[in-house]
Each structure stands twice: as C-alpha cells, then as structure tokens.
C-alpha cells in the first residue's frame, strides 16, 4: 500500500465507498461521464446518506465543542510529491 500514489488510494476509496467494491461499475461510470451519459443513478441516495452523516457530525461538534476534522490526518498533495524546478 505504501507504493500507491495518492491518486490510486483515492480511487480505491471511491471504489469501496461509491461503487460497492466493483471496478467495472466504476469504470463504466467514468466512461459514461466522459460521453455525457447518465451516471451513478444511486448517487441521489448517497447524497441523502451523506447529508444525514453531516448533520450527525455537526451535532457532535456542537455538543463537544470540537472540530472533528482536526483529528484527521492530512491528505497528501500529489503536486508536492513531484520535484519542482528551482
């Protein structure tokens, strides 16, 4: 896992979380996006679920007076991994 790029890790997370672990569904969805066709019909349900999760986290933050994001590890910036000319 250490050898995967941040972009690859993100794709793995998306495959797991949005496409139920199915690469075929993910690649078909990306192709549909490129061709301007409909994609991720279940996304509306995902958005509703995400809104519910956001509300739950918002209540926790207010109750405990914390920012939950402060407990996350920063996401690496892929541009910083590349050497830049000086």
N, C-alpha and C. Protein backbone atom coordinates (compact mmCIF):
# COMPACT_ATOMS: atom_id res chain seq x y z
N UNK A 1 0.82 -1.20 0.00
CA UNK A 1 0.00 0.00 0.00
C UNK A 1 0.86 1.26 0.00
N UNK A 2 2.03 1.19 0.58
CA UNK A 2 2.89 2.37 0.66
C UNK A 2 3.34 2.85 -0.72
N UNK A 3 3.34 1.96 -1.68
CA UNK A 3 3.81 2.32 -3.01
C UNK A 3 2.73 2.95 -3.88
N UNK A 4 1.50 2.92 -3.43
CA UNK A 4 0.42 3.52 -4.21
C UNK A 4 0.50 5.03 -4.15
N UNK A 5 0.17 5.67 -5.26
CA UNK A 5 0.13 7.13 -5.28
C UNK A 5 -1.13 7.60 -4.57
N UNK A 6 -1.18 8.87 -4.17
CA UNK A 6 -2.41 9.40 -3.57
C UNK A 6 -3.62 9.26 -4.49
N UNK A 7 -3.39 9.41 -5.80
CA UNK A 7 -4.49 9.26 -6.74
C UNK A 7 -5.03 7.83 -6.75
N UNK A 8 -4.13 6.87 -6.68
CA UNK A 8 -4.55 5.47 -6.64
C UNK A 8 -5.32 5.16 -5.36
N UNK A 9 -4.83 5.68 -4.26
CA UNK A 9 -5.52 5.46 -2.98
C UNK A 9 -6.91 6.07 -3.01
N UNK A 10 -7.04 7.25 -3.61
CA UNK A 10 -8.35 7.88 -3.73
C UNK A 10 -9.29 7.02 -4.56
N UNK A 11 -8.78 6.47 -5.66
CA UNK A 11 -9.62 5.60 -6.48
C UNK A 11 -10.07 4.37 -5.71
N UNK A 12 -9.20 3.83 -4.87
CA UNK A 12 -9.58 2.69 -4.05
C UNK A 12 -10.68 3.05 -3.07
N UNK A 13 -10.57 4.23 -2.48
CA UNK A 13 -11.61 4.69 -1.54
C UNK A 13 -12.93 4.87 -2.28
N UNK A 14 -12.88 5.49 -3.46
CA UNK A 14 -14.10 5.70 -4.24
C UNK A 14 -14.72 4.38 -4.66
N UNK A 15 -13.87 3.44 -5.09
CA UNK A 15 -14.39 2.12 -5.48
C UNK A 15 -15.11 1.48 -4.30
N UNK A 16 -14.48 1.54 -3.15
CA UNK A 16 -15.07 0.93 -1.95
C UNK A 16 -16.34 1.63 -1.52
N UNK A 17 -16.30 2.95 -1.46
CA UNK A 17 -17.40 3.71 -0.87
C UNK A 17 -18.54 4.02 -1.83
N UNK A 18 -18.23 4.28 -3.08
CA UNK A 18 -19.29 4.68 -4.02
C UNK A 18 -19.75 3.56 -4.95
N UNK A 19 -18.88 2.58 -5.17
CA UNK A 19 -19.19 1.57 -6.17
C UNK A 19 -19.23 0.16 -5.58
N UNK A 20 -19.42 0.04 -4.29
CA UNK A 20 -19.55 -1.26 -3.60
C UNK A 20 -18.42 -2.22 -3.97
N UNK A 21 -17.21 -1.68 -4.15
CA UNK A 21 -16.06 -2.51 -4.44
C UNK A 21 -15.98 -3.05 -5.85
N UNK A 22 -16.76 -2.49 -6.77
CA UNK A 22 -16.85 -3.00 -8.13
C UNK A 22 -16.11 -2.10 -9.11
N UNK A 23 -14.96 -2.56 -9.59
CA UNK A 23 -14.20 -1.77 -10.57
C UNK A 23 -15.00 -1.58 -11.85
N UNK A 24 -15.73 -2.60 -12.28
CA UNK A 24 -16.49 -2.49 -13.54
C UNK A 24 -17.50 -1.37 -13.48
N UNK A 25 -18.22 -1.29 -12.38
CA UNK A 25 -19.20 -0.21 -12.23
C UNK A 25 -18.52 1.14 -12.24
N UNK A 26 -17.36 1.21 -11.60
CA UNK A 26 -16.63 2.48 -11.54
C UNK A 26 -16.13 2.90 -12.91
N UNK A 27 -15.52 1.97 -13.65
CA UNK A 27 -15.02 2.34 -14.98
C UNK A 27 -16.16 2.68 -15.93
N UNK A 28 -17.27 1.95 -15.84
CA UNK A 28 -18.42 2.27 -16.68
C UNK A 28 -18.96 3.66 -16.35
N UNK A 29 -19.00 3.99 -15.07
CA UNK A 29 -19.47 5.30 -14.65
C UNK A 29 -18.56 6.40 -15.19
N UNK A 30 -17.26 6.19 -15.12
CA UNK A 30 -16.32 7.19 -15.64
C UNK A 30 -16.47 7.35 -17.15
N UNK A 31 -16.65 6.24 -17.85
CA UNK A 31 -16.88 6.32 -19.30
C UNK A 31 -18.17 7.07 -19.61
N UNK A 32 -19.21 6.79 -18.85
CA UNK A 32 -20.49 7.50 -19.04
C UNK A 32 -20.31 8.99 -18.82
N UNK A 33 -19.54 9.36 -17.82
CA UNK A 33 -19.29 10.78 -17.57
C UNK A 33 -18.59 11.42 -18.77
N UNK A 34 -17.59 10.73 -19.31
CA UNK A 34 -16.86 11.26 -20.46
C UNK A 34 -17.75 11.44 -21.67
N UNK A 35 -18.70 10.54 -21.84
CA UNK A 35 -19.59 10.58 -23.00
C UNK A 35 -20.85 11.39 -22.76
N UNK A 36 -20.96 11.99 -21.59
CA UNK A 36 -22.11 12.83 -21.29
C UNK A 36 -23.39 12.06 -21.03
N UNK A 37 -23.27 10.77 -20.76
CA UNK A 37 -24.45 9.95 -20.48
C UNK A 37 -24.73 9.95 -18.98
N UNK A 38 -25.92 9.51 -18.59
CA UNK A 38 -26.24 9.44 -17.16
C UNK A 38 -25.26 8.53 -16.42
N UNK A 39 -25.03 8.86 -15.17
CA UNK A 39 -24.09 8.08 -14.37
C UNK A 39 -24.52 8.05 -12.91
N UNK A 40 -24.11 7.05 -12.21
CA UNK A 40 -24.38 6.78 -10.79
C UNK A 40 -25.81 7.14 -10.41
N UNK A 41 -26.71 6.31 -10.83
CA UNK A 41 -28.12 6.55 -10.51
C UNK A 41 -28.37 6.50 -9.01
N UNK A 42 -27.55 5.74 -8.29
CA UNK A 42 -27.71 5.63 -6.85
C UNK A 42 -27.12 6.83 -6.11
N UNK A 43 -26.50 7.74 -6.81
CA UNK A 43 -25.84 8.85 -6.15
C UNK A 43 -26.81 9.68 -5.33
N UNK A 44 -28.04 9.83 -5.77
CA UNK A 44 -29.02 10.60 -5.00
C UNK A 44 -29.19 10.01 -3.62
N UNK A 45 -29.22 8.69 -3.52
CA UNK A 45 -29.33 8.06 -2.21
C UNK A 45 -28.07 8.31 -1.40
N UNK A 46 -26.94 8.28 -2.04
CA UNK A 46 -25.67 8.53 -1.35
C UNK A 46 -25.65 9.96 -0.81
N UNK A 47 -26.13 10.90 -1.59
CA UNK A 47 -26.16 12.29 -1.15
C UNK A 47 -27.03 12.43 0.08
N UNK A 48 -28.19 11.78 0.07
CA UNK A 48 -29.07 11.84 1.24
C UNK A 48 -28.38 11.24 2.45
N UNK A 49 -27.70 10.12 2.27
CA UNK A 49 -26.95 9.50 3.37
C UNK A 49 -25.85 10.42 3.88
N UNK A 50 -25.12 11.05 2.95
CA UNK A 50 -24.06 11.97 3.34
C UNK A 50 -24.61 13.16 4.11
N UNK A 51 -25.75 13.68 3.68
CA UNK A 51 -26.36 14.80 4.41
C UNK A 51 -26.72 14.39 5.83
N UNK A 52 -27.22 13.18 6.01
CA UNK A 52 -27.54 12.69 7.35
C UNK A 52 -26.27 12.55 8.18
N UNK A 53 -25.20 12.04 7.59
CA UNK A 53 -23.93 11.91 8.31
C UNK A 53 -23.38 13.28 8.70
N UNK A 54 -23.50 14.23 7.79
CA UNK A 54 -23.02 15.59 8.08
C UNK A 54 -23.78 16.18 9.26
N UNK A 55 -25.09 16.01 9.27
CA UNK A 55 -25.89 16.54 10.38
C UNK A 55 -25.50 15.87 11.69
N UNK A 56 -25.25 14.58 11.66
CA UNK A 56 -24.84 13.87 12.87
C UNK A 56 -23.49 14.41 13.37
N UNK A 57 -22.53 14.58 12.47
CA UNK A 57 -21.22 15.11 12.87
C UNK A 57 -21.33 16.54 13.35
N UNK A 58 -22.17 17.33 12.72
CA UNK A 58 -22.37 18.71 13.14
C UNK A 58 -22.88 18.76 14.58
N UNK A 59 -23.85 17.89 14.92
CA UNK A 59 -24.36 17.85 16.30
C UNK A 59 -23.27 17.44 17.29
N UNK A 60 -22.46 16.45 16.91
CA UNK A 60 -21.36 16.03 17.78
C UNK A 60 -20.38 17.18 18.02
N UNK A 61 -20.03 17.89 16.95
CA UNK A 61 -19.10 19.01 17.10
C UNK A 61 -19.66 20.09 18.01
N UNK A 62 -20.92 20.38 17.86
CA UNK A 62 -21.54 21.39 18.72
C UNK A 62 -21.60 20.92 20.17
N UNK A 63 -21.98 19.68 20.37
CA UNK A 63 -22.11 19.15 21.72
C UNK A 63 -20.77 19.13 22.46
N UNK A 64 -19.72 18.66 21.76
CA UNK A 64 -18.41 18.53 22.40
C UNK A 64 -17.50 19.73 22.13
N UNK A 65 -17.99 20.70 21.38
CA UNK A 65 -17.22 21.91 21.04
C UNK A 65 -15.85 21.55 20.46
N UNK A 66 -15.88 20.70 19.42
CA UNK A 66 -14.65 20.28 18.74
C UNK A 66 -14.86 20.37 17.23
N UNK A 67 -13.76 20.36 16.52
CA UNK A 67 -13.78 20.25 15.06
C UNK A 67 -13.28 18.85 14.73
N UNK A 68 -14.17 17.97 14.31
CA UNK A 68 -13.78 16.58 14.04
C UNK A 68 -12.69 16.48 12.99
N UNK A 69 -12.63 17.42 12.08
CA UNK A 69 -11.61 17.39 11.03
C UNK A 69 -10.21 17.53 11.62
N UNK A 70 -10.10 18.10 12.79
CA UNK A 70 -8.80 18.25 13.43
C UNK A 70 -8.17 16.90 13.78
N UNK A 71 -8.99 15.86 13.83
CA UNK A 71 -8.48 14.54 14.17
C UNK A 71 -8.07 13.72 12.95
N UNK A 72 -8.29 14.25 11.77
CA UNK A 72 -7.92 13.55 10.54
C UNK A 72 -6.47 13.80 10.18
N UNK A 73 -5.86 12.80 9.56
CA UNK A 73 -4.53 13.01 9.01
C UNK A 73 -4.68 13.80 7.72
N UNK A 74 -3.77 14.72 7.45
CA UNK A 74 -3.89 15.50 6.21
C UNK A 74 -3.77 14.60 4.98
N UNK A 75 -4.49 14.96 3.94
CA UNK A 75 -4.41 14.24 2.67
C UNK A 75 -3.22 14.79 1.91
N UNK A 76 -2.31 13.92 1.48
CA UNK A 76 -1.13 14.41 0.77
C UNK A 76 -1.51 15.09 -0.54
N UNK A 77 -0.80 16.16 -0.85
CA UNK A 77 -0.99 16.88 -2.11
C UNK A 77 -0.13 16.21 -3.17
N UNK A 78 -0.75 15.63 -4.21
CA UNK A 78 0.04 14.92 -5.22
C UNK A 78 1.05 15.82 -5.92
N UNK A 79 0.78 17.10 -6.02
CA UNK A 79 1.71 18.02 -6.68
C UNK A 79 2.97 18.21 -5.86
N UNK A 80 2.89 18.07 -4.56
CA UNK A 80 4.06 18.25 -3.71
C UNK A 80 4.98 17.03 -3.76
N UNK A 81 4.46 15.89 -4.23
CA UNK A 81 5.27 14.69 -4.32
C UNK A 81 6.24 14.75 -5.50
N UNK A 82 5.93 15.61 -6.47
CA UNK A 82 6.78 15.72 -7.65
C UNK A 82 7.84 16.78 -7.40
N UNK A 83 9.02 16.52 -7.92
CA UNK A 83 10.08 17.52 -7.79
C UNK A 83 9.76 18.69 -8.72
N UNK A 84 9.95 19.88 -8.20
CA UNK A 84 9.70 21.08 -8.99
C UNK A 84 11.03 21.75 -9.33
N UNK A 85 11.11 22.31 -10.52
CA UNK A 85 12.35 23.02 -10.87
C UNK A 85 12.54 24.24 -9.98
N UNK A 86 13.77 24.50 -9.62
CA UNK A 86 14.07 25.67 -8.78
C UNK A 86 14.69 26.77 -9.57
